[in-house]
Amino acid sequence: MAWIVLILSGVLESVWATALGRSDGLSRWPATIVFVVALVASMAGLAFAMRTLPTGTAYAVWVGIGASLTVVFAMATGAESATLLKVLFIAMIVAGVIGLKVAH
């Protein structure tokens, strides 16, 4: 259960990071509201997962999922260019996250 919550929290990290970028310094209310709600839910899920998972593993997985999805979303929407090297390095982050799950 902790792993499922952790993965969902990592997805929410991507949501709040993207919303923060779109909030224009927290001046656009819809994006700011999405940011705050996703941030609180993401942190709560991370805290829940850390009750049973080691802190370092949980945090690395949470950040890895959030960072990877944030970049992939930015590439998919055209906000960031997609290059072969970027895709390779994102794949390496994902492989690291999977490795942490397998090693746990």
C-alpha atoms as a PDB file:
ATOM      1  CA  MET A   1       0.000   0.000   0.000  1.00  0.00           C
ATOM      2  CA  ALA A   2       2.843   2.400   0.840  1.00  0.00           C
ATOM      3  CA  TRP A   3       4.346   1.973  -2.629  1.00  0.00           C
ATOM      4  CA  ILE A   4       1.050   2.760  -4.358  1.00  0.00           C
ATOM      5  CA  VAL A   5       0.578   5.892  -2.248  1.00  0.00           C
ATOM      6  CA  LEU A   6       4.205   6.878  -2.913  1.00  0.00           C
ATOM      7  CA  ILE A   7       3.780   6.532  -6.679  1.00  0.00           C
ATOM      8  CA  LEU A   8       0.575   8.586  -6.619  1.00  0.00           C
ATOM      9  CA  SER A   9       2.343  11.198  -4.494  1.00  0.00           C
ATOM     10  CA  GLY A  10       5.133  11.340  -7.077  1.00  0.00           C
ATOM     11  CA  VAL A  11       2.542  11.961  -9.781  1.00  0.00           C
ATOM     12  CA  LEU A  12       1.062  14.749  -7.662  1.00  0.00           C
ATOM     13  CA  GLU A  13       4.536  16.238  -7.297  1.00  0.00           C
ATOM     14  CA  SER A  14       4.582  16.628 -11.057  1.00  0.00           C
ATOM     15  CA  VAL A  15       1.134  18.246 -10.924  1.00  0.00           C
ATOM     16  CA  TRP A  16       2.143  20.819  -8.316  1.00  0.00           C
ATOM     17  CA  ALA A  17       5.452  21.586 -10.015  1.00  0.00           C
ATOM     18  CA  THR A  18       3.701  22.200 -13.326  1.00  0.00           C
ATOM     19  CA  ALA A  19       0.969  24.258 -11.647  1.00  0.00           C
ATOM     20  CA  LEU A  20       3.584  26.323  -9.835  1.00  0.00           C
ATOM     21  CA  GLY A  21       5.230  27.141 -13.139  1.00  0.00           C
ATOM     22  CA  ARG A  22       1.906  28.133 -14.640  1.00  0.00           C
ATOM     23  CA  SER A  23       0.834  30.209 -11.637  1.00  0.00           C
ATOM     24  CA  ASP A  24       3.044  33.141 -12.714  1.00  0.00           C
ATOM     25  CA  GLY A  25       4.494  33.675  -9.263  1.00  0.00           C
ATOM     26  CA  LEU A  26       1.288  32.537  -7.535  1.00  0.00           C
ATOM     27  CA  SER A  27      -0.638  35.377  -9.195  1.00  0.00           C
ATOM     28  CA  ARG A  28      -2.959  33.206 -11.310  1.00  0.00           C
ATOM     29  CA  TRP A  29      -5.552  31.801  -8.952  1.00  0.00           C
ATOM     30  CA  PRO A  30      -6.631  28.615 -10.761  1.00  0.00           C
ATOM     31  CA  ALA A  31      -3.058  27.394 -11.123  1.00  0.00           C
ATOM     32  CA  THR A  32      -2.237  28.515  -7.574  1.00  0.00           C
ATOM     33  CA  ILE A  33      -5.160  26.534  -6.159  1.00  0.00           C
ATOM     34  CA  VAL A  34      -4.090  23.420  -8.096  1.00  0.00           C
ATOM     35  CA  PHE A  35      -0.546  23.965  -6.810  1.00  0.00           C
ATOM     36  CA  VAL A  36      -1.588  24.189  -3.152  1.00  0.00           C
ATOM     37  CA  VAL A  37      -3.998  21.234  -3.253  1.00  0.00           C
ATOM     38  CA  ALA A  38      -1.546  18.982  -5.128  1.00  0.00           C
ATOM     39  CA  LEU A  39       1.327  20.041  -2.865  1.00  0.00           C
ATOM     40  CA  VAL A  40      -0.542  19.204   0.329  1.00  0.00           C
ATOM     41  CA  ALA A  41      -1.805  15.881  -1.051  1.00  0.00           C
ATOM     42  CA  SER A  42       1.645  14.975  -2.385  1.00  0.00           C
ATOM     43  CA  MET A  43       3.358  15.738   0.913  1.00  0.00           C
ATOM     44  CA  ALA A  44       0.699  13.873   2.887  1.00  0.00           C
ATOM     45  CA  GLY A  45       1.163  10.821   0.662  1.00  0.00           C
ATOM     46  CA  LEU A  46       4.937  10.998   1.017  1.00  0.00           C
ATOM     47  CA  ALA A  47       4.587  11.245   4.801  1.00  0.00           C
ATOM     48  CA  PHE A  48       2.241   8.237   4.816  1.00  0.00           C
ATOM     49  CA  ALA A  49       4.628   6.158   2.705  1.00  0.00           C
ATOM     50  CA  MET A  50       7.567   7.095   4.924  1.00  0.00           C
ATOM     51  CA  ARG A  51       5.831   5.446   7.875  1.00  0.00           C
ATOM     52  CA  THR A  52       6.831   2.064   6.420  1.00  0.00           C
ATOM     53  CA  LEU A  53       9.468   2.807   3.761  1.00  0.00           C
ATOM     54  CA  PRO A  54      12.980   4.083   4.476  1.00  0.00           C
ATOM     55  CA  THR A  55      13.212   7.872   4.194  1.00  0.00           C
ATOM     56  CA  GLY A  56      15.975   7.884   1.578  1.00  0.00           C
ATOM     57  CA  THR A  57      14.236   5.374  -0.664  1.00  0.00           C
ATOM     58  CA  ALA A  58      10.834   7.038  -0.368  1.00  0.00           C
ATOM     59  CA  TYR A  59      12.209  10.485  -1.069  1.00  0.00           C
ATOM     60  CA  ALA A  60      14.323   9.350  -4.033  1.00  0.00           C
ATOM     61  CA  VAL A  61      11.366   7.546  -5.607  1.00  0.00           C
ATOM     62  CA  TRP A  62       9.033  10.514  -4.985  1.00  0.00           C
ATOM     63  CA  VAL A  63      11.471  13.005  -6.531  1.00  0.00           C
ATOM     64  CA  GLY A  64      12.364  10.696  -9.407  1.00  0.00           C
ATOM     65  CA  ILE A  65       8.748  10.150 -10.403  1.00  0.00           C
ATOM     66  CA  GLY A  66       7.863  13.826 -10.005  1.00  0.00           C
ATOM     67  CA  ALA A  67      10.874  15.132 -11.899  1.00  0.00           C
ATOM     68  CA  SER A  68      10.530  12.623 -14.726  1.00  0.00           C
ATOM     69  CA  LEU A  69       6.831  13.258 -15.265  1.00  0.00           C
ATOM     70  CA  THR A  70       7.300  17.019 -15.072  1.00  0.00           C
ATOM     71  CA  VAL A  71       9.887  16.946 -17.846  1.00  0.00           C
ATOM     72  CA  VAL A  72       7.907  14.466 -19.959  1.00  0.00           C
ATOM     73  CA  PHE A  73       4.792  16.644 -19.649  1.00  0.00           C
ATOM     74  CA  ALA A  74       6.780  19.748 -20.601  1.00  0.00           C
ATOM     75  CA  MET A  75       8.144  17.934 -23.654  1.00  0.00           C
ATOM     76  CA  ALA A  76       4.695  16.646 -24.628  1.00  0.00           C
ATOM     77  CA  THR A  77       3.180  20.131 -24.466  1.00  0.00           C
ATOM     78  CA  GLY A  78       6.067  21.756 -26.307  1.00  0.00           C
ATOM     79  CA  ALA A  79       7.187  23.812 -23.301  1.00  0.00           C
ATOM     80  CA  GLU A  80      10.547  22.058 -23.436  1.00  0.00           C
ATOM     81  CA  SER A  81      12.421  20.533 -26.332  1.00  0.00           C
ATOM     82  CA  ALA A  82      12.743  16.776 -26.525  1.00  0.00           C
ATOM     83  CA  THR A  83      16.172  15.479 -27.416  1.00  0.00           C
ATOM     84  CA  LEU A  84      17.562  11.981 -27.491  1.00  0.00           C
ATOM     85  CA  LEU A  85      19.892  12.739 -24.584  1.00  0.00           C
ATOM     86  CA  LYS A  86      17.079  14.144 -22.431  1.00  0.00           C
ATOM     87  CA  VAL A  87      14.943  11.084 -23.088  1.00  0.00           C
ATOM     88  CA  LEU A  88      17.899   8.817 -22.278  1.00  0.00           C
ATOM     89  CA  PHE A  89      18.567  10.562 -18.972  1.00  0.00           C
ATOM     90  CA  ILE A  90      14.899  10.507 -18.001  1.00  0.00           C
ATOM     91  CA  ALA A  91      14.891   6.781 -18.755  1.00  0.00           C
ATOM     92  CA  MET A  92      17.879   6.436 -16.434  1.00  0.00           C
ATOM     93  CA  ILE A  93      15.941   8.166 -13.636  1.00  0.00           C
ATOM     94  CA  VAL A  94      13.000   5.828 -14.200  1.00  0.00           C
ATOM     95  CA  ALA A  95      15.352   2.838 -14.173  1.00  0.00           C
ATOM     96  CA  GLY A  96      16.768   4.080 -10.863  1.00  0.00           C
ATOM     97  CA  VAL A  97      13.285   4.331  -9.373  1.00  0.00           C
ATOM     98  CA  ILE A  98      12.480   0.803 -10.522  1.00  0.00           C
ATOM     99  CA  GLY A  99      15.814  -0.378  -9.139  1.00  0.00           C
ATOM    100  CA  LEU A 100      15.022   1.109  -5.734  1.00  0.00           C
ATOM    101  CA  LYS A 101      11.695  -0.748  -5.707  1.00  0.00           C
ATOM    102  CA  VAL A 102      13.339  -4.017  -6.688  1.00  0.00           C
ATOM    103  CA  ALA A 103      16.136  -3.607  -4.142  1.00  0.00           C
ATOM    104  CA  HIS A 104      13.702  -2.855  -1.327  1.00  0.00           C
END
